[in-house]
């Protein structure tokens, strides 16, 4: 008599709902991982922002804002501009604030010397 055990079943190469790992692609054009594809470890929400976690090239767990990936719905401005505008207003404001913060930090370190 043949006894079938679950752990001895022949493996299948057909994908199932649970066997397909989820991946994401980095879509932020200034990120060093731009256009790279990674296996998604977790999609979560921290401090009001959606994040994706993945294992990077050094085998460390890393995080990115989900809006920098294809796992987040595309920005409405980007969709409607159809490539005619490279930056959204929000992105330009964020860049401006970053530049100001960097200039302040540089001036603070220059005053210390």
PDB file of N, CA and C in Angstrom:
ATOM      1  N   UNK A   1       0.838  -1.181   0.000  1.00  0.00           N
ATOM      2  CA  UNK A   1       0.000   0.000   0.000  1.00  0.00           C
ATOM      3  C   UNK A   1       0.879   1.238   0.000  1.00  0.00           C
ATOM      4  N   UNK A   2       0.590   2.185  -0.898  1.00  0.00           N
ATOM      5  CA  UNK A   2       1.364   3.414  -1.031  1.00  0.00           C
ATOM      6  C   UNK A   2       0.787   4.473  -0.100  1.00  0.00           C
ATOM      7  N   UNK A   3       1.651   5.008   0.756  1.00  0.00           N
ATOM      8  CA  UNK A   3       1.227   6.070   1.677  1.00  0.00           C
ATOM      9  C   UNK A   3       1.787   7.387   1.167  1.00  0.00           C
ATOM     10  N   UNK A   4       0.906   8.327   0.908  1.00  0.00           N
ATOM     11  CA  UNK A   4       1.350   9.633   0.422  1.00  0.00           C
ATOM     12  C   UNK A   4       1.512  10.580   1.602  1.00  0.00           C
ATOM     13  N   UNK A   5       2.671  11.169   1.687  1.00  0.00           N
ATOM     14  CA  UNK A   5       2.941  12.139   2.747  1.00  0.00           C
ATOM     15  C   UNK A   5       3.124  13.509   2.106  1.00  0.00           C
ATOM     16  N   UNK A   6       2.587  14.545   2.744  1.00  0.00           N
ATOM     17  CA  UNK A   6       2.656  15.902   2.189  1.00  0.00           C
ATOM     18  C   UNK A   6       4.086  16.355   1.926  1.00  0.00           C
ATOM     19  N   UNK A   7       4.992  16.035   2.823  1.00  0.00           N
ATOM     20  CA  UNK A   7       6.358  16.513   2.668  1.00  0.00           C
ATOM     21  C   UNK A   7       7.145  15.745   1.607  1.00  0.00           C
ATOM     22  N   UNK A   8       6.579  14.680   1.085  1.00  0.00           N
ATOM     23  CA  UNK A   8       7.248  13.928   0.036  1.00  0.00           C
ATOM     24  C   UNK A   8       6.670  14.188  -1.347  1.00  0.00           C
ATOM     25  N   UNK A   9       5.788  15.151  -1.465  1.00  0.00           N
ATOM     26  CA  UNK A   9       5.182  15.431  -2.763  1.00  0.00           C
ATOM     27  C   UNK A   9       6.243  15.893  -3.758  1.00  0.00           C
ATOM     28  N   UNK A  10       6.024  15.553  -5.007  1.00  0.00           N
ATOM     29  CA  UNK A  10       6.937  15.960  -6.068  1.00  0.00           C
ATOM     30  C   UNK A  10       6.795  17.469  -6.278  1.00  0.00           C
ATOM     31  N   UNK A  11       7.921  18.214  -6.285  1.00  0.00           N
ATOM     32  CA  UNK A  11       7.818  19.661  -6.477  1.00  0.00           C
ATOM     33  C   UNK A  11       7.313  19.992  -7.877  1.00  0.00           C
ATOM     34  N   UNK A  12       6.616  21.076  -7.961  1.00  0.00           N
ATOM     35  CA  UNK A  12       6.066  21.524  -9.241  1.00  0.00           C
ATOM     36  C   UNK A  12       6.790  22.781  -9.693  1.00  0.00           C
ATOM     37  N   UNK A  13       6.978  22.916 -10.997  1.00  0.00           N
ATOM     38  CA  UNK A  13       7.594  24.139 -11.501  1.00  0.00           C
ATOM     39  C   UNK A  13       6.539  25.161 -11.941  1.00  0.00           C
ATOM     40  N   UNK A  14       5.285  24.822 -11.764  1.00  0.00           N
ATOM     41  CA  UNK A  14       4.213  25.749 -12.097  1.00  0.00           C
ATOM     42  C   UNK A  14       4.039  26.760 -10.968  1.00  0.00           C
ATOM     43  N   UNK A  15       3.959  28.054 -11.310  1.00  0.00           N
ATOM     44  CA  UNK A  15       3.794  29.052 -10.252  1.00  0.00           C
ATOM     45  C   UNK A  15       2.430  28.956  -9.592  1.00  0.00           C
ATOM     46  N   UNK A  16       2.393  29.244  -8.323  1.00  0.00           N
ATOM     47  CA  UNK A  16       1.144  29.314  -7.584  1.00  0.00           C
ATOM     48  C   UNK A  16       1.026  30.697  -6.969  1.00  0.00           C
ATOM     49  N   UNK A  17      -0.121  30.979  -6.379  1.00  0.00           N
ATOM     50  CA  UNK A  17      -0.322  32.299  -5.767  1.00  0.00           C
ATOM     51  C   UNK A  17       0.766  32.614  -4.749  1.00  0.00           C
ATOM     52  N   UNK A  18       1.137  31.640  -3.949  1.00  0.00           N
ATOM     53  CA  UNK A  18       2.070  31.876  -2.856  1.00  0.00           C
ATOM     54  C   UNK A  18       3.536  31.685  -3.238  1.00  0.00           C
ATOM     55  N   UNK A  19       3.817  31.089  -4.394  1.00  0.00           N
ATOM     56  CA  UNK A  19       5.203  30.783  -4.716  1.00  0.00           C
ATOM     57  C   UNK A  19       5.890  31.886  -5.515  1.00  0.00           C
ATOM     58  N   UNK A  20       5.141  32.768  -6.138  1.00  0.00           N
ATOM     59  CA  UNK A  20       5.752  33.837  -6.911  1.00  0.00           C
ATOM     60  C   UNK A  20       6.224  34.947  -5.982  1.00  0.00           C
ATOM     61  N   UNK A  21       7.523  35.158  -5.885  1.00  0.00           N
ATOM     62  CA  UNK A  21       7.985  36.258  -5.041  1.00  0.00           C
ATOM     63  C   UNK A  21       7.617  37.582  -5.686  1.00  0.00           C
ATOM     64  N   UNK A  22       7.411  38.583  -4.872  1.00  0.00           N
ATOM     65  CA  UNK A  22       7.072  39.897  -5.385  1.00  0.00           C
ATOM     66  C   UNK A  22       8.346  40.708  -5.546  1.00  0.00           C
ATOM     67  N   UNK A  23       8.406  41.445  -6.617  1.00  0.00           N
ATOM     68  CA  UNK A  23       9.552  42.283  -6.922  1.00  0.00           C
ATOM     69  C   UNK A  23       9.097  43.722  -7.094  1.00  0.00           C
ATOM     70  N   UNK A  24      10.051  44.640  -7.046  1.00  0.00           N
ATOM     71  CA  UNK A  24       9.771  46.034  -7.364  1.00  0.00           C
ATOM     72  C   UNK A  24      10.974  46.593  -8.113  1.00  0.00           C
ATOM     73  N   UNK A  25      10.736  47.675  -8.847  1.00  0.00           N
ATOM     74  CA  UNK A  25      11.783  48.360  -9.589  1.00  0.00           C
ATOM     75  C   UNK A  25      11.895  49.776  -9.056  1.00  0.00           C
ATOM     76  N   UNK A  26      13.116  50.252  -8.872  1.00  0.00           N
ATOM     77  CA  UNK A  26      13.343  51.620  -8.413  1.00  0.00           C
ATOM     78  C   UNK A  26      13.101  52.555  -9.596  1.00  0.00           C
ATOM     79  N   UNK A  27      12.207  53.511  -9.423  1.00  0.00           N
ATOM     80  CA  UNK A  27      11.828  54.415 -10.517  1.00  0.00           C
ATOM     81  C   UNK A  27      12.311  55.846 -10.305  1.00  0.00           C
ATOM     82  N   UNK A  28      12.909  56.140  -9.154  1.00  0.00           N
ATOM     83  CA  UNK A  28      13.404  57.491  -8.887  1.00  0.00           C
ATOM     84  C   UNK A  28      14.655  57.706  -9.726  1.00  0.00           C
ATOM     85  N   UNK A  29      14.603  58.674 -10.654  1.00  0.00           N
ATOM     86  CA  UNK A  29      15.659  58.808 -11.658  1.00  0.00           C
ATOM     87  C   UNK A  29      17.012  59.236 -11.091  1.00  0.00           C
ATOM     88  N   UNK A  30      17.069  59.762  -9.877  1.00  0.00           N
ATOM     89  CA  UNK A  30      18.342  60.172  -9.302  1.00  0.00           C
ATOM     90  C   UNK A  30      18.900  59.172  -8.298  1.00  0.00           C
ATOM     91  N   UNK A  31      18.189  58.088  -8.059  1.00  0.00           N
ATOM     92  CA  UNK A  31      18.663  57.095  -7.089  1.00  0.00           C
ATOM     93  C   UNK A  31      19.694  56.187  -7.750  1.00  0.00           C
ATOM     94  N   UNK A  32      20.748  55.801  -7.016  1.00  0.00           N
ATOM     95  CA  UNK A  32      21.762  54.918  -7.612  1.00  0.00           C
ATOM     96  C   UNK A  32      21.212  53.569  -8.081  1.00  0.00           C
ATOM     97  N   UNK A  33      20.085  53.133  -7.515  1.00  0.00           N
ATOM     98  CA  UNK A  33      19.480  51.864  -7.925  1.00  0.00           C
ATOM     99  C   UNK A  33      18.438  52.051  -9.030  1.00  0.00           C
ATOM    100  N   UNK A  34      18.422  53.193  -9.677  1.00  0.00           N
ATOM    101  CA  UNK A  34      17.433  53.483 -10.715  1.00  0.00           C
ATOM    102  C   UNK A  34      17.371  52.352 -11.742  1.00  0.00           C
ATOM    103  N   UNK A  35      16.171  51.902 -12.007  1.00  0.00           N
ATOM    104  CA  UNK A  35      15.853  50.829 -12.956  1.00  0.00           C
ATOM    105  C   UNK A  35      16.304  49.437 -12.485  1.00  0.00           C
ATOM    106  N   UNK A  36      16.778  49.331 -11.247  1.00  0.00           N
ATOM    107  CA  UNK A  36      17.150  48.009 -10.718  1.00  0.00           C
ATOM    108  C   UNK A  36      15.928  47.351 -10.111  1.00  0.00           C
ATOM    109  N   UNK A  37      15.916  46.037 -10.189  1.00  0.00           N
ATOM    110  CA  UNK A  37      14.790  45.240  -9.690  1.00  0.00           C
ATOM    111  C   UNK A  37      15.258  44.478  -8.448  1.00  0.00           C
ATOM    112  N   UNK A  38      14.424  44.508  -7.410  1.00  0.00           N
ATOM    113  CA  UNK A  38      14.743  43.842  -6.151  1.00  0.00           C
ATOM    114  C   UNK A  38      13.560  43.008  -5.697  1.00  0.00           C
ATOM    115  N   UNK A  39      13.851  41.994  -4.927  1.00  0.00           N
ATOM    116  CA  UNK A  39      12.792  41.193  -4.307  1.00  0.00           C
ATOM    117  C   UNK A  39      12.255  41.960  -3.101  1.00  0.00           C
ATOM    118  N   UNK A  40      10.945  42.104  -3.069  1.00  0.00           N
ATOM    119  CA  UNK A  40      10.285  42.813  -1.987  1.00  0.00           C
ATOM    120  C   UNK A  40      10.261  41.946  -0.734  1.00  0.00           C
ATOM    121  N   UNK A  41      10.813  42.462   0.359  1.00  0.00           N
ATOM    122  CA  UNK A  41      10.754  41.757   1.635  1.00  0.00           C
ATOM    123  C   UNK A  41       9.475  42.140   2.354  1.00  0.00           C
ATOM    124  N   UNK A  42       9.195  43.453   2.393  1.00  0.00           N
ATOM    125  CA  UNK A  42       7.996  43.913   3.087  1.00  0.00           C
ATOM    126  C   UNK A  42       7.582  45.278   2.548  1.00  0.00           C
ATOM    127  N   UNK A  43       6.294  45.489   2.468  1.00  0.00           N
ATOM    128  CA  UNK A  43       5.716  46.800   2.155  1.00  0.00           C
ATOM    129  C   UNK A  43       5.046  47.260   3.431  1.00  0.00           C
ATOM    130  N   UNK A  44       5.467  48.396   3.962  1.00  0.00           N
ATOM    131  CA  UNK A  44       4.936  48.832   5.255  1.00  0.00           C
ATOM    132  C   UNK A  44       4.762  50.341   5.293  1.00  0.00           C
ATOM    133  N   UNK A  45       4.165  50.792   6.362  1.00  0.00           N
ATOM    134  CA  UNK A  45       3.942  52.222   6.563  1.00  0.00           C
ATOM    135  C   UNK A  45       4.613  52.619   7.878  1.00  0.00           C
ATOM    136  N   UNK A  46       5.595  53.517   7.791  1.00  0.00           N
ATOM    137  CA  UNK A  46       6.321  54.000   8.962  1.00  0.00           C
ATOM    138  C   UNK A  46       6.299  55.522   8.967  1.00  0.00           C
ATOM    139  N   UNK A  47       5.909  56.090  10.105  1.00  0.00           N
ATOM    140  CA  UNK A  47       5.896  57.541  10.278  1.00  0.00           C
ATOM    141  C   UNK A  47       5.123  58.231   9.155  1.00  0.00           C
ATOM    142  N   UNK A  48       4.023  57.639   8.743  1.00  0.00           N
ATOM    143  CA  UNK A  48       3.152  58.255   7.745  1.00  0.00           C
ATOM    144  C   UNK A  48       3.605  58.096   6.312  1.00  0.00           C
ATOM    145  N   UNK A  49       4.647  57.316   6.066  1.00  0.00           N
ATOM    146  CA  UNK A  49       5.136  57.135   4.699  1.00  0.00           C
ATOM    147  C   UNK A  49       5.192  55.647   4.367  1.00  0.00           C
ATOM    148  N   UNK A  50       4.820  55.300   3.146  1.00  0.00           N
ATOM    149  CA  UNK A  50       4.905  53.918   2.685  1.00  0.00           C
ATOM    150  C   UNK A  50       6.360  53.595   2.348  1.00  0.00           C
ATOM    151  N   UNK A  51       6.811  52.429   2.800  1.00  0.00           N
ATOM    152  CA  UNK A  51       8.196  52.000   2.579  1.00  0.00           C
ATOM    153  C   UNK A  51       8.226  50.600   1.992  1.00  0.00           C
ATOM    154  N   UNK A  52       9.263  50.330   1.217  1.00  0.00           N
ATOM    155  CA  UNK A  52       9.542  48.976   0.763  1.00  0.00           C
ATOM    156  C   UNK A  52      10.869  48.567   1.388  1.00  0.00           C
ATOM    157  N   UNK A  53      10.960  47.330   1.824  1.00  0.00           N
ATOM    158  CA  UNK A  53      12.228  46.825   2.334  1.00  0.00           C
ATOM    159  C   UNK A  53      12.713  45.723   1.396  1.00  0.00           C
ATOM    160  N   UNK A  54      14.043  45.628   1.293  1.00  0.00           N
ATOM    161  CA  UNK A  54      14.669  44.688   0.371  1.00  0.00           C
ATOM    162  C   UNK A  54      16.076  44.397   0.854  1.00  0.00           C
ATOM    163  N   UNK A  55      16.684  43.373   0.299  1.00  0.00           N
ATOM    164  CA  UNK A  55      18.064  43.029   0.619  1.00  0.00           C
ATOM    165  C   UNK A  55      18.944  43.631  -0.469  1.00  0.00           C
ATOM    166  N   UNK A  56      19.898  44.489  -0.050  1.00  0.00           N
ATOM    167  CA  UNK A  56      20.741  45.182  -1.023  1.00  0.00           C
ATOM    168  C   UNK A  56      21.940  44.331  -1.447  1.00  0.00           C
ATOM    169  N   UNK A  57      22.846  44.932  -2.199  1.00  0.00           N
ATOM    170  CA  UNK A  57      24.003  44.205  -2.738  1.00  0.00           C
ATOM    171  C   UNK A  57      24.939  43.677  -1.652  1.00  0.00           C
ATOM    172  N   UNK A  58      24.949  44.320  -0.482  1.00  0.00           N
ATOM    173  CA  UNK A  58      25.794  43.876   0.630  1.00  0.00           C
ATOM    174  C   UNK A  58      25.047  42.908   1.551  1.00  0.00           C
ATOM    175  N   UNK A  59      23.884  42.416   1.098  1.00  0.00           N
ATOM    176  CA  UNK A  59      23.049  41.476   1.847  1.00  0.00           C
ATOM    177  C   UNK A  59      22.507  42.087   3.144  1.00  0.00           C
ATOM    178  N   UNK A  60      22.352  43.417   3.156  1.00  0.00           N
ATOM    179  CA  UNK A  60      21.779  44.114   4.306  1.00  0.00           C
ATOM    180  C   UNK A  60      20.335  44.488   3.987  1.00  0.00           C
ATOM    181  N   UNK A  61      19.499  44.486   5.006  1.00  0.00           N
ATOM    182  CA  UNK A  61      18.117  44.890   4.833  1.00  0.00           C
ATOM    183  C   UNK A  61      18.077  46.402   4.661  1.00  0.00           C
ATOM    184  N   UNK A  62      17.500  46.876   3.568  1.00  0.00           N
ATOM    185  CA  UNK A  62      17.442  48.301   3.254  1.00  0.00           C
ATOM    186  C   UNK A  62      16.005  48.722   3.017  1.00  0.00           C
ATOM    187  N   UNK A  63      15.783  50.015   3.100  1.00  0.00           N
ATOM    188  CA  UNK A  63      14.443  50.580   2.919  1.00  0.00           C
ATOM    189  C   UNK A  63      14.489  51.711   1.914  1.00  0.00           C
ATOM    190  N   UNK A  64      13.396  51.857   1.177  1.00  0.00           N
ATOM    191  CA  UNK A  64      13.202  52.985   0.266  1.00  0.00           C
ATOM    192  C   UNK A  64      11.776  53.474   0.404  1.00  0.00           C
ATOM    193  N   UNK A  65      11.547  54.754   0.157  1.00  0.00           N
ATOM    194  CA  UNK A  65      10.158  55.211   0.089  1.00  0.00           C
ATOM    195  C   UNK A  65       9.462  54.489  -1.070  1.00  0.00           C
ATOM    196  N   UNK A  66       8.276  54.010  -0.836  1.00  0.00           N
ATOM    197  CA  UNK A  66       7.549  53.276  -1.887  1.00  0.00           C
ATOM    198  C   UNK A  66       7.284  54.160  -3.090  1.00  0.00           C
ATOM    199  N   UNK A  67       7.176  55.464  -2.877  1.00  0.00           N
ATOM    200  CA  UNK A  67       6.898  56.355  -4.012  1.00  0.00           C
ATOM    201  C   UNK A  67       8.079  56.443  -4.977  1.00  0.00           C
ATOM    202  N   UNK A  68       9.241  55.930  -4.591  1.00  0.00           N
ATOM    203  CA  UNK A  68      10.396  55.875  -5.481  1.00  0.00           C
ATOM    204  C   UNK A  68      10.443  54.577  -6.267  1.00  0.00           C
ATOM    205  N   UNK A  69       9.374  53.779  -6.170  1.00  0.00           N
ATOM    206  CA  UNK A  69       9.341  52.472  -6.834  1.00  0.00           C
ATOM    207  C   UNK A  69       8.066  52.323  -7.651  1.00  0.00           C
ATOM    208  N   UNK A  70       8.000  51.243  -8.406  1.00  0.00           N
ATOM    209  CA  UNK A  70       6.795  50.958  -9.181  1.00  0.00           C
ATOM    210  C   UNK A  70       5.707  50.300  -8.342  1.00  0.00           C
ATOM    211  N   UNK A  71       5.948  50.120  -7.045  1.00  0.00           N
ATOM    212  CA  UNK A  71       4.937  49.551  -6.145  1.00  0.00           C
ATOM    213  C   UNK A  71       3.937  50.600  -5.673  1.00  0.00           C
ATOM    214  N   UNK A  72       4.180  51.835  -5.987  1.00  0.00           N
ATOM    215  CA  UNK A  72       3.336  52.944  -5.566  1.00  0.00           C
ATOM    216  C   UNK A  72       2.639  53.491  -6.801  1.00  0.00           C
ATOM    217  N   UNK A  73       1.397  53.934  -6.680  1.00  0.00           N
ATOM    218  CA  UNK A  73       0.721  54.475  -7.869  1.00  0.00           C
ATOM    219  C   UNK A  73       1.510  55.638  -8.460  1.00  0.00           C
ATOM    220  N   UNK A  74       1.559  55.746  -9.777  1.00  0.00           N
ATOM    221  CA  UNK A  74       2.326  56.832 -10.394  1.00  0.00           C
ATOM    222  C   UNK A  74       1.753  58.194 -10.026  1.00  0.00           C
ATOM    223  N   UNK A  75       2.654  59.167  -9.948  1.00  0.00           N
ATOM    224  CA  UNK A  75       2.269  60.537  -9.663  1.00  0.00           C
ATOM    225  C   UNK A  75       1.380  61.061 -10.795  1.00  0.00           C
ATOM    226  N   UNK A  76       0.265  61.669 -10.439  1.00  0.00           N
ATOM    227  CA  UNK A  76      -0.685  62.168 -11.439  1.00  0.00           C
ATOM    228  C   UNK A  76      -0.019  63.179 -12.361  1.00  0.00           C
ATOM    229  N   UNK A  77       0.804  64.056 -11.803  1.00  0.00           N
ATOM    230  CA  UNK A  77       1.501  65.057 -12.607  1.00  0.00           C
ATOM    231  C   UNK A  77       2.375  64.391 -13.659  1.00  0.00           C
ATOM    232  N   UNK A  78       3.117  63.375 -13.246  1.00  0.00           N
ATOM    233  CA  UNK A  78       4.006  62.671 -14.168  1.00  0.00           C
ATOM    234  C   UNK A  78       3.227  62.005 -15.293  1.00  0.00           C
ATOM    235  N   UNK A  79       2.099  61.434 -14.969  1.00  0.00           N
ATOM    236  CA  UNK A  79       1.277  60.762 -15.981  1.00  0.00           C
ATOM    237  C   UNK A  79       0.757  61.773 -17.000  1.00  0.00           C
ATOM    238  N   UNK A  80       0.220  62.878 -16.511  1.00  0.00           N
ATOM    239  CA  UNK A  80      -0.370  63.855 -17.425  1.00  0.00           C
ATOM    240  C   UNK A  80       0.661  64.677 -18.184  1.00  0.00           C
ATOM    241  N   UNK A  81       1.868  64.832 -17.641  1.00  0.00           N
ATOM    242  CA  UNK A  81       2.887  65.613 -18.359  1.00  0.00           C
ATOM    243  C   UNK A  81       3.496  64.814 -19.510  1.00  0.00           C
ATOM    244  N   UNK A  82       3.318  63.503 -19.477  1.00  0.00           N
ATOM    245  CA  UNK A  82       3.777  62.605 -20.552  1.00  0.00           C
ATOM    246  C   UNK A  82       5.234  62.848 -20.951  1.00  0.00           C
ATOM    247  N   UNK A  83       6.090  63.087 -19.943  1.00  0.00           N
ATOM    248  CA  UNK A  83       7.509  63.258 -20.214  1.00  0.00           C
ATOM    249  C   UNK A  83       7.904  64.663 -20.638  1.00  0.00           C
ATOM    250  N   UNK A  84       6.960  65.570 -20.763  1.00  0.00           N
ATOM    251  CA  UNK A  84       7.293  66.938 -21.170  1.00  0.00           C
ATOM    252  C   UNK A  84       7.899  67.740 -20.026  1.00  0.00           C
ATOM    253  N   UNK A  85       7.619  67.355 -18.791  1.00  0.00           N
ATOM    254  CA  UNK A  85       8.180  68.020 -17.617  1.00  0.00           C
ATOM    255  C   UNK A  85       8.903  66.969 -16.788  1.00  0.00           C
ATOM    256  N   UNK A  86      10.141  67.230 -16.470  1.00  0.00           N
ATOM    257  CA  UNK A  86      10.941  66.248 -15.754  1.00  0.00           C
ATOM    258  C   UNK A  86      10.664  66.223 -14.255  1.00  0.00           C
ATOM    259  N   UNK A  87      10.194  67.338 -13.689  1.00  0.00           N
ATOM    260  CA  UNK A  87      10.011  67.424 -12.250  1.00  0.00           C
ATOM    261  C   UNK A  87       8.625  67.951 -11.919  1.00  0.00           C
ATOM    262  N   UNK A  88       8.034  67.371 -10.895  1.00  0.00           N
ATOM    263  CA  UNK A  88       6.769  67.893 -10.381  1.00  0.00           C
ATOM    264  C   UNK A  88       7.064  69.066  -9.458  1.00  0.00           C
ATOM    265  N   UNK A  89       6.067  69.871  -9.183  1.00  0.00           N
ATOM    266  CA  UNK A  89       6.233  71.007  -8.285  1.00  0.00           C
ATOM    267  C   UNK A  89       6.672  70.515  -6.904  1.00  0.00           C
ATOM    268  N   UNK A  90       6.047  69.452  -6.412  1.00  0.00           N
ATOM    269  CA  UNK A  90       6.408  68.904  -5.095  1.00  0.00           C
ATOM    270  C   UNK A  90       7.869  68.465  -5.056  1.00  0.00           C
ATOM    271  N   UNK A  91       8.343  67.851  -6.128  1.00  0.00           N
ATOM    272  CA  UNK A  91       9.738  67.405  -6.174  1.00  0.00           C
ATOM    273  C   UNK A  91      10.686  68.595  -6.182  1.00  0.00           C
ATOM    274  N   UNK A  92      10.335  69.652  -6.895  1.00  0.00           N
ATOM    275  CA  UNK A  92      11.184  70.846  -6.934  1.00  0.00           C
ATOM    276  C   UNK A  92      11.222  71.545  -5.581  1.00  0.00           C
ATOM    277  N   UNK A  93      10.091  71.596  -4.896  1.00  0.00           N
ATOM    278  CA  UNK A  93      10.058  72.192  -3.557  1.00  0.00           C
ATOM    279  C   UNK A  93      10.910  71.371  -2.600  1.00  0.00           C
ATOM    280  N   UNK A  94      10.785  70.049  -2.685  1.00  0.00           N
ATOM    281  CA  UNK A  94      11.584  69.169  -1.828  1.00  0.00           C
ATOM    282  C   UNK A  94      13.074  69.345  -2.109  1.00  0.00           C
ATOM    283  N   UNK A  95      13.440  69.453  -3.384  1.00  0.00           N
ATOM    284  CA  UNK A  95      14.833  69.664  -3.759  1.00  0.00           C
ATOM    285  C   UNK A  95      15.335  71.008  -3.235  1.00  0.00           C
ATOM    286  N   UNK A  96      14.525  72.038  -3.353  1.00  0.00           N
ATOM    287  CA  UNK A  96      14.889  73.364  -2.859  1.00  0.00           C
ATOM    288  C   UNK A  96      15.146  73.346  -1.352  1.00  0.00           C
ATOM    289  N   UNK A  97      14.279  72.657  -0.599  1.00  0.00           N
ATOM    290  CA  UNK A  97      14.459  72.548   0.851  1.00  0.00           C
ATOM    291  C   UNK A  97      15.719  71.770   1.201  1.00  0.00           C
ATOM    292  N   UNK A  98      16.015  70.740   0.433  1.00  0.00           N
ATOM    293  CA  UNK A  98      17.228  69.961   0.660  1.00  0.00           C
ATOM    294  C   UNK A  98      18.467  70.816   0.408  1.00  0.00           C
ATOM    295  N   UNK A  99      18.465  71.582  -0.666  1.00  0.00           N
ATOM    296  CA  UNK A  99      19.602  72.456  -0.973  1.00  0.00           C
ATOM    297  C   UNK A  99      19.805  73.484   0.132  1.00  0.00           C
ATOM    298  N   UNK A 100      18.718  74.078   0.617  1.00  0.00           N
ATOM    299  CA  UNK A 100      18.821  75.050   1.712  1.00  0.00           C
ATOM    300  C   UNK A 100      19.415  74.403   2.957  1.00  0.00           C
ATOM    301  N   UNK A 101      18.960  73.198   3.293  1.00  0.00           N
ATOM    302  CA  UNK A 101      19.472  72.499   4.478  1.00  0.00           C
ATOM    303  C   UNK A 101      20.954  72.184   4.323  1.00  0.00           C
ATOM    304  N   UNK A 102      21.362  71.768   3.136  1.00  0.00           N
ATOM    305  CA  UNK A 102      22.772  71.473   2.898  1.00  0.00           C
ATOM    306  C   UNK A 102      23.625  72.732   2.985  1.00  0.00           C
ATOM    307  N   UNK A 103      23.117  73.848   2.446  1.00  0.00           N
ATOM    308  CA  UNK A 103      23.848  75.111   2.531  1.00  0.00           C
ATOM    309  C   UNK A 103      23.996  75.567   3.975  1.00  0.00           C
ATOM    310  N   UNK A 104      22.931  75.425   4.769  1.00  0.00           N
ATOM    311  CA  UNK A 104      23.007  75.787   6.181  1.00  0.00           C
ATOM    312  C   UNK A 104      24.022  74.910   6.914  1.00  0.00           C
ATOM    313  N   UNK A 105      24.001  73.623   6.644  1.00  0.00           N
ATOM    314  CA  UNK A 105      24.948  72.706   7.279  1.00  0.00           C
ATOM    315  C   UNK A 105      26.374  73.051   6.877  1.00  0.00           C
ATOM    316  N   UNK A 106      26.585  73.380   5.625  1.00  0.00           N
ATOM    317  CA  UNK A 106      27.932  73.744   5.159  1.00  0.00           C
ATOM    318  C   UNK A 106      28.403  75.046   5.821  1.00  0.00           C
ATOM    319  N   UNK A 107      27.515  76.024   5.928  1.00  0.00           N
ATOM    320  CA  UNK A 107      27.858  77.280   6.574  1.00  0.00           C
ATOM    321  C   UNK A 107      28.152  77.087   8.062  1.00  0.00           C
ATOM    322  N   UNK A 108      27.411  76.198   8.716  1.00  0.00           N
ATOM    323  CA  UNK A 108      27.651  75.922  10.127  1.00  0.00           C
ATOM    324  C   UNK A 108      29.021  75.289  10.347  1.00  0.00           C
ATOM    325  N   UNK A 109      29.418  74.369   9.458  1.00  0.00           N
ATOM    326  CA  UNK A 109      30.726  73.739   9.606  1.00  0.00           C
ATOM    327  C   UNK A 109      31.830  74.687   9.225  1.00  0.00           C
ATOM    328  N   UNK A 110      31.585  75.634   8.316  1.00  0.00           N
ATOM    329  CA  UNK A 110      32.594  76.624   7.937  1.00  0.00           C
ATOM    330  C   UNK A 110      32.840  77.590   9.085  1.00  0.00           C
ATOM    331  N   UNK A 111      31.802  77.922   9.868  1.00  0.00           N
ATOM    332  CA  UNK A 111      31.941  78.830  10.997  1.00  0.00           C
ATOM    333  C   UNK A 111      32.753  78.200  12.119  1.00  0.00           C
ATOM    334  N   UNK A 112      32.705  76.873  12.237  1.00  0.00           N
ATOM    335  CA  UNK A 112      33.420  76.178  13.296  1.00  0.00           C
ATOM    336  C   UNK A 112      34.927  76.210  13.051  1.00  0.00           C
ATOM    337  N   UNK A 113      35.337  76.167  11.808  1.00  0.00           N
ATOM    338  CA  UNK A 113      36.772  76.129  11.460  1.00  0.00           C
ATOM    339  C   UNK A 113      37.389  77.421  11.722  1.00  0.00           C
TER     340      UNK A 113
END
